[in-house]
Amino acid sequence: MPKQPDSAPEFVKYIGPVIAALGALGGSGRPDEVRDAIAKTLNISEEEQARLLPSGGQSRFENQVHWARFYLAKGGYIDASRHGVCTLTAKARALGQVSASQPRELFSTVPVAFAKSRG
């Protein structure tokens, strides 16, 4: 079935939880801390957390949270310049609590911002 024009990838649902988790962790955290906080907050079972991608190299949950972090970094909402640590930026802090509609909006603006930064 073709994607609907207003649809977004599955990882978009983790954009708000990544920001919330980093906030709960004091503004920065390692990827495993962020994943653990999200899993606890969203009551994601250990079974779901362990479900592997078809390639078998990574759990689907870990992969989806990674993509959310990647988009947040490209959009300027988190700073991932320090190896192994993500930190909320002033831009993310200005958002406050992320509403249900904001993750999709954030997702749609990142490719445009990324393209502009590349020239």
N, C-alpha and C. Protein backbone atom coordinates (compact mmCIF):
# COMPACT_ATOMS: atom_id res chain seq x y z
N MET A 1 0.83 -1.17 0.00
CA MET A 1 0.00 0.00 0.00
C MET A 1 0.89 1.25 0.00
N PRO A 2 0.64 2.21 -0.88
CA PRO A 2 1.46 3.42 -0.93
C PRO A 2 1.24 4.27 0.32
N LYS A 3 2.28 5.01 0.69
CA LYS A 3 2.17 5.91 1.84
C LYS A 3 1.24 7.06 1.51
N GLN A 4 0.50 7.49 2.50
CA GLN A 4 -0.34 8.67 2.35
C GLN A 4 0.57 9.90 2.36
N PRO A 5 0.20 10.95 1.65
CA PRO A 5 1.06 12.12 1.59
C PRO A 5 1.35 12.73 2.97
N ASP A 6 0.43 12.61 3.91
CA ASP A 6 0.65 13.21 5.22
C ASP A 6 1.26 12.23 6.22
N SER A 7 1.63 11.04 5.76
CA SER A 7 2.19 10.06 6.67
C SER A 7 3.66 10.38 6.95
N ALA A 8 4.13 9.85 8.05
CA ALA A 8 5.52 10.04 8.44
C ALA A 8 6.07 8.70 8.87
N PRO A 9 7.39 8.55 8.86
CA PRO A 9 7.98 7.29 9.30
C PRO A 9 7.62 6.98 10.76
N GLU A 10 7.70 5.74 11.11
CA GLU A 10 7.34 5.28 12.45
C GLU A 10 8.15 5.97 13.54
N PHE A 11 9.43 6.27 13.27
CA PHE A 11 10.29 6.84 14.31
C PHE A 11 9.83 8.21 14.79
N VAL A 12 9.00 8.88 14.02
CA VAL A 12 8.54 10.22 14.39
C VAL A 12 7.83 10.19 15.75
N LYS A 13 7.21 9.06 16.09
CA LYS A 13 6.52 8.97 17.38
C LYS A 13 7.48 9.05 18.56
N TYR A 14 8.77 8.89 18.32
CA TYR A 14 9.77 8.97 19.39
C TYR A 14 10.43 10.34 19.52
N ILE A 15 10.09 11.28 18.65
CA ILE A 15 10.69 12.61 18.71
C ILE A 15 10.36 13.30 20.04
N GLY A 16 9.11 13.35 20.39
CA GLY A 16 8.71 13.96 21.67
C GLY A 16 9.29 13.23 22.86
N PRO A 17 9.20 11.88 22.89
CA PRO A 17 9.79 11.16 24.00
C PRO A 17 11.30 11.33 24.15
N VAL A 18 12.04 11.52 23.05
CA VAL A 18 13.48 11.76 23.16
C VAL A 18 13.72 13.09 23.86
N ILE A 19 12.99 14.12 23.45
CA ILE A 19 13.14 15.44 24.09
C ILE A 19 12.75 15.35 25.56
N ALA A 20 11.64 14.68 25.85
CA ALA A 20 11.20 14.54 27.24
C ALA A 20 12.21 13.76 28.08
N ALA A 21 12.75 12.69 27.51
CA ALA A 21 13.72 11.87 28.24
C ALA A 21 14.98 12.68 28.55
N LEU A 22 15.46 13.42 27.57
CA LEU A 22 16.65 14.25 27.81
C LEU A 22 16.36 15.31 28.88
N GLY A 23 15.17 15.87 28.85
CA GLY A 23 14.80 16.84 29.88
C GLY A 23 14.78 16.20 31.26
N ALA A 24 14.22 15.00 31.35
CA ALA A 24 14.15 14.28 32.63
C ALA A 24 15.53 13.88 33.11
N LEU A 25 16.46 13.71 32.19
CA LEU A 25 17.84 13.33 32.54
C LEU A 25 18.70 14.56 32.85
N GLY A 26 18.09 15.72 32.95
CA GLY A 26 18.84 16.92 33.27
C GLY A 26 19.33 17.69 32.07
N GLY A 27 18.86 17.33 30.88
CA GLY A 27 19.23 18.07 29.67
C GLY A 27 20.19 17.34 28.76
N SER A 28 20.78 16.25 29.24
CA SER A 28 21.66 15.47 28.38
C SER A 28 21.69 14.03 28.85
N GLY A 29 22.10 13.15 27.94
CA GLY A 29 22.17 11.74 28.31
C GLY A 29 22.78 10.91 27.20
N ARG A 30 23.21 9.73 27.59
CA ARG A 30 23.74 8.76 26.63
C ARG A 30 22.56 8.06 25.94
N PRO A 31 22.77 7.54 24.75
CA PRO A 31 21.69 6.88 24.03
C PRO A 31 20.99 5.78 24.84
N ASP A 32 21.74 4.98 25.59
CA ASP A 32 21.10 3.91 26.36
C ASP A 32 20.25 4.49 27.49
N GLU A 33 20.67 5.59 28.09
CA GLU A 33 19.86 6.25 29.12
C GLU A 33 18.56 6.78 28.53
N VAL A 34 18.66 7.37 27.36
CA VAL A 34 17.48 7.91 26.69
C VAL A 34 16.51 6.78 26.34
N ARG A 35 17.02 5.71 25.76
CA ARG A 35 16.15 4.56 25.41
C ARG A 35 15.49 3.99 26.66
N ASP A 36 16.25 3.82 27.75
CA ASP A 36 15.69 3.27 28.98
C ASP A 36 14.57 4.17 29.52
N ALA A 37 14.80 5.48 29.49
CA ALA A 37 13.79 6.42 29.98
C ALA A 37 12.53 6.36 29.12
N ILE A 38 12.70 6.27 27.81
CA ILE A 38 11.54 6.19 26.90
C ILE A 38 10.78 4.89 27.14
N ALA A 39 11.51 3.79 27.24
CA ALA A 39 10.87 2.48 27.45
C ALA A 39 10.07 2.48 28.74
N LYS A 40 10.62 3.07 29.77
CA LYS A 40 9.93 3.13 31.06
C LYS A 40 8.69 4.02 30.97
N THR A 41 8.85 5.20 30.40
CA THR A 41 7.74 6.16 30.29
C THR A 41 6.60 5.62 29.42
N LEU A 42 6.96 4.97 28.32
CA LEU A 42 5.93 4.46 27.38
C LEU A 42 5.54 3.01 27.66
N ASN A 43 6.08 2.44 28.73
CA ASN A 43 5.78 1.05 29.10
C ASN A 43 6.02 0.08 27.94
N ILE A 44 7.19 0.20 27.32
CA ILE A 44 7.55 -0.69 26.23
C ILE A 44 8.18 -1.94 26.84
N SER A 45 7.60 -3.06 26.54
CA SER A 45 8.05 -4.32 27.14
C SER A 45 9.47 -4.67 26.71
N GLU A 46 10.12 -5.50 27.52
CA GLU A 46 11.46 -5.96 27.17
C GLU A 46 11.42 -6.75 25.86
N GLU A 47 10.34 -7.46 25.65
CA GLU A 47 10.18 -8.23 24.41
C GLU A 47 10.16 -7.29 23.20
N GLU A 48 9.40 -6.22 23.31
CA GLU A 48 9.32 -5.24 22.21
C GLU A 48 10.68 -4.56 22.02
N GLN A 49 11.36 -4.23 23.11
CA GLN A 49 12.67 -3.60 23.03
C GLN A 49 13.69 -4.51 22.36
N ALA A 50 13.52 -5.82 22.51
CA ALA A 50 14.49 -6.78 21.98
C ALA A 50 14.18 -7.23 20.56
N ARG A 51 13.00 -6.90 20.04
CA ARG A 51 12.62 -7.35 18.69
C ARG A 51 13.58 -6.76 17.67
N LEU A 52 14.24 -7.64 16.91
CA LEU A 52 15.28 -7.22 15.98
C LEU A 52 14.72 -6.78 14.64
N LEU A 53 15.47 -5.93 13.97
CA LEU A 53 15.18 -5.58 12.58
C LEU A 53 15.41 -6.83 11.73
N PRO A 54 14.87 -6.88 10.52
CA PRO A 54 15.11 -8.04 9.66
C PRO A 54 16.60 -8.34 9.44
N SER A 55 17.43 -7.30 9.47
CA SER A 55 18.87 -7.51 9.30
C SER A 55 19.47 -8.22 10.50
N GLY A 56 18.79 -8.14 11.64
CA GLY A 56 19.26 -8.80 12.85
C GLY A 56 20.36 -8.07 13.59
N GLY A 57 20.78 -6.93 13.11
CA GLY A 57 21.91 -6.24 13.72
C GLY A 57 21.55 -5.30 14.85
N GLN A 58 20.29 -4.94 14.96
CA GLN A 58 19.89 -3.93 15.94
C GLN A 58 18.42 -4.15 16.26
N SER A 59 18.02 -3.77 17.48
CA SER A 59 16.59 -3.88 17.79
C SER A 59 15.83 -2.78 17.06
N ARG A 60 14.60 -3.07 16.73
CA ARG A 60 13.76 -2.09 16.03
C ARG A 60 13.58 -0.85 16.90
N PHE A 61 13.36 -1.05 18.20
CA PHE A 61 13.18 0.06 19.13
C PHE A 61 14.42 0.95 19.14
N GLU A 62 15.58 0.35 19.29
CA GLU A 62 16.83 1.10 19.31
C GLU A 62 16.99 1.89 18.00
N ASN A 63 16.68 1.27 16.88
CA ASN A 63 16.79 1.90 15.58
C ASN A 63 15.85 3.10 15.45
N GLN A 64 14.61 2.94 15.91
CA GLN A 64 13.63 4.02 15.80
C GLN A 64 14.02 5.21 16.67
N VAL A 65 14.51 4.94 17.89
CA VAL A 65 14.96 6.02 18.77
C VAL A 65 16.19 6.71 18.17
N HIS A 66 17.07 5.92 17.56
CA HIS A 66 18.25 6.50 16.91
C HIS A 66 17.84 7.48 15.81
N TRP A 67 16.89 7.07 14.96
CA TRP A 67 16.45 7.95 13.87
C TRP A 67 15.80 9.22 14.41
N ALA A 68 15.05 9.11 15.51
CA ALA A 68 14.46 10.30 16.12
C ALA A 68 15.57 11.24 16.60
N ARG A 69 16.60 10.68 17.24
CA ARG A 69 17.73 11.50 17.70
C ARG A 69 18.44 12.14 16.51
N PHE A 70 18.63 11.37 15.43
CA PHE A 70 19.30 11.88 14.24
C PHE A 70 18.55 13.10 13.68
N TYR A 71 17.24 12.98 13.54
CA TYR A 71 16.46 14.09 13.00
C TYR A 71 16.47 15.29 13.95
N LEU A 72 16.41 15.03 15.25
CA LEU A 72 16.48 16.12 16.21
C LEU A 72 17.83 16.82 16.14
N ALA A 73 18.89 16.08 15.94
CA ALA A 73 20.22 16.68 15.80
C ALA A 73 20.31 17.50 14.52
N LYS A 74 19.82 16.97 13.42
CA LYS A 74 19.88 17.69 12.15
C LYS A 74 19.01 18.94 12.18
N GLY A 75 17.94 18.91 12.98
CA GLY A 75 17.05 20.06 13.10
C GLY A 75 17.52 21.08 14.12
N GLY A 76 18.62 20.78 14.82
CA GLY A 76 19.15 21.72 15.80
C GLY A 76 18.48 21.65 17.16
N TYR A 77 17.74 20.57 17.42
CA TYR A 77 17.04 20.43 18.70
C TYR A 77 17.89 19.73 19.75
N ILE A 78 18.84 18.93 19.31
CA ILE A 78 19.81 18.33 20.23
C ILE A 78 21.20 18.49 19.65
N ASP A 79 22.16 18.57 20.54
CA ASP A 79 23.56 18.65 20.15
C ASP A 79 24.16 17.27 20.40
N ALA A 80 24.64 16.65 19.34
CA ALA A 80 25.25 15.33 19.46
C ALA A 80 26.74 15.40 19.11
N SER A 81 27.34 16.59 19.30
CA SER A 81 28.73 16.76 18.90
C SER A 81 29.70 16.07 19.88
N ARG A 82 29.27 15.86 21.10
CA ARG A 82 30.11 15.14 22.06
C ARG A 82 29.81 13.66 21.93
N HIS A 83 30.81 12.87 21.61
CA HIS A 83 30.62 11.45 21.34
C HIS A 83 29.89 10.74 22.48
N GLY A 84 28.79 10.09 22.13
CA GLY A 84 28.06 9.28 23.10
C GLY A 84 27.14 10.05 24.03
N VAL A 85 26.94 11.34 23.77
CA VAL A 85 26.06 12.15 24.62
C VAL A 85 25.23 13.08 23.74
N CYS A 86 23.95 13.14 24.03
CA CYS A 86 23.06 14.08 23.35
C CYS A 86 22.63 15.11 24.38
N THR A 87 22.58 16.37 23.97
CA THR A 87 22.21 17.46 24.86
C THR A 87 21.13 18.30 24.20
N LEU A 88 20.11 18.65 24.98
CA LEU A 88 19.08 19.54 24.47
C LEU A 88 19.68 20.90 24.16
N THR A 89 19.24 21.51 23.07
CA THR A 89 19.68 22.85 22.73
C THR A 89 18.62 23.84 23.22
N ALA A 90 18.95 25.12 23.13
CA ALA A 90 17.99 26.16 23.50
C ALA A 90 16.73 26.05 22.63
N LYS A 91 16.92 25.64 21.40
CA LYS A 91 15.78 25.49 20.48
C LYS A 91 14.81 24.43 21.01
N ALA A 92 15.31 23.33 21.52
CA ALA A 92 14.45 22.28 22.07
C ALA A 92 13.82 22.74 23.37
N ARG A 93 14.61 23.41 24.20
CA ARG A 93 14.08 23.88 25.49
C ARG A 93 12.95 24.88 25.27
N ALA A 94 13.04 25.66 24.21
CA ALA A 94 11.99 26.64 23.90
C ALA A 94 10.66 25.97 23.53
N LEU A 95 10.73 24.72 23.08
CA LEU A 95 9.51 24.01 22.73
C LEU A 95 8.65 23.69 23.95
N GLY A 96 9.31 23.51 25.09
CA GLY A 96 8.58 23.06 26.27
C GLY A 96 8.15 21.62 26.07
N GLN A 97 6.99 21.29 26.58
CA GLN A 97 6.47 19.94 26.38
C GLN A 97 5.98 19.81 24.94
N VAL A 98 6.40 18.77 24.26
CA VAL A 98 6.07 18.57 22.85
C VAL A 98 4.63 18.07 22.73
N SER A 99 3.83 18.79 21.95
CA SER A 99 2.44 18.40 21.74
C SER A 99 2.36 17.22 20.78
N ALA A 100 1.18 16.66 20.65
CA ALA A 100 0.97 15.49 19.78
C ALA A 100 1.25 15.81 18.31
N SER A 101 1.02 17.04 17.88
CA SER A 101 1.21 17.39 16.47
C SER A 101 2.64 17.85 16.15
N GLN A 102 3.39 18.27 17.15
CA GLN A 102 4.73 18.82 16.88
C GLN A 102 5.72 17.85 16.28
N PRO A 103 5.77 16.57 16.68
CA PRO A 103 6.78 15.69 16.07
C PRO A 103 6.70 15.64 14.55
N ARG A 104 5.49 15.57 14.02
CA ARG A 104 5.34 15.54 12.56
C ARG A 104 5.81 16.85 11.93
N GLU A 105 5.50 17.96 12.58
CA GLU A 105 5.94 19.27 12.09
C GLU A 105 7.47 19.35 12.11
N LEU A 106 8.07 18.92 13.22
CA LEU A 106 9.53 18.94 13.32
C LEU A 106 10.15 18.07 12.24
N PHE A 107 9.60 16.90 12.05
CA PHE A 107 10.10 15.97 11.03
C PHE A 107 10.07 16.62 9.65
N SER A 108 8.98 17.30 9.34
CA SER A 108 8.84 17.87 7.99
C SER A 108 9.78 19.05 7.75
N THR A 109 10.23 19.72 8.80
CA THR A 109 11.11 20.87 8.61
C THR A 109 12.58 20.49 8.52
N VAL A 110 12.95 19.34 9.03
CA VAL A 110 14.37 18.97 9.06
C VAL A 110 14.99 18.83 7.68
N PRO A 111 14.38 18.13 6.71
CA PRO A 111 15.03 18.03 5.40
C PRO A 111 15.28 19.38 4.76
N VAL A 112 14.37 20.31 4.95
CA VAL A 112 14.54 21.66 4.39
C VAL A 112 15.72 22.36 5.05
N ALA A 113 15.78 22.30 6.39
CA ALA A 113 16.89 22.93 7.11
C ALA A 113 18.21 22.26 6.77
N PHE A 114 18.21 20.96 6.64
CA PHE A 114 19.42 20.22 6.31
C PHE A 114 19.91 20.59 4.92
N ALA A 115 18.99 20.68 3.97
CA ALA A 115 19.36 21.04 2.60
C ALA A 115 19.95 22.45 2.54
N LYS A 116 19.36 23.38 3.30
CA LYS A 116 19.87 24.76 3.32
C LYS A 116 21.28 24.79 3.90
N SER A 117 21.53 23.99 4.94
CA SER A 117 22.85 24.02 5.57
C SER A 117 23.92 23.41 4.67
N ARG A 118 23.51 22.55 3.75
CA ARG A 118 24.46 21.92 2.84
C ARG A 118 24.70 22.77 1.61
N GLY A 119 23.89 23.83 1.43
CA GLY A 119 24.12 24.73 0.31
C GLY A 119 23.23 24.35 -0.82
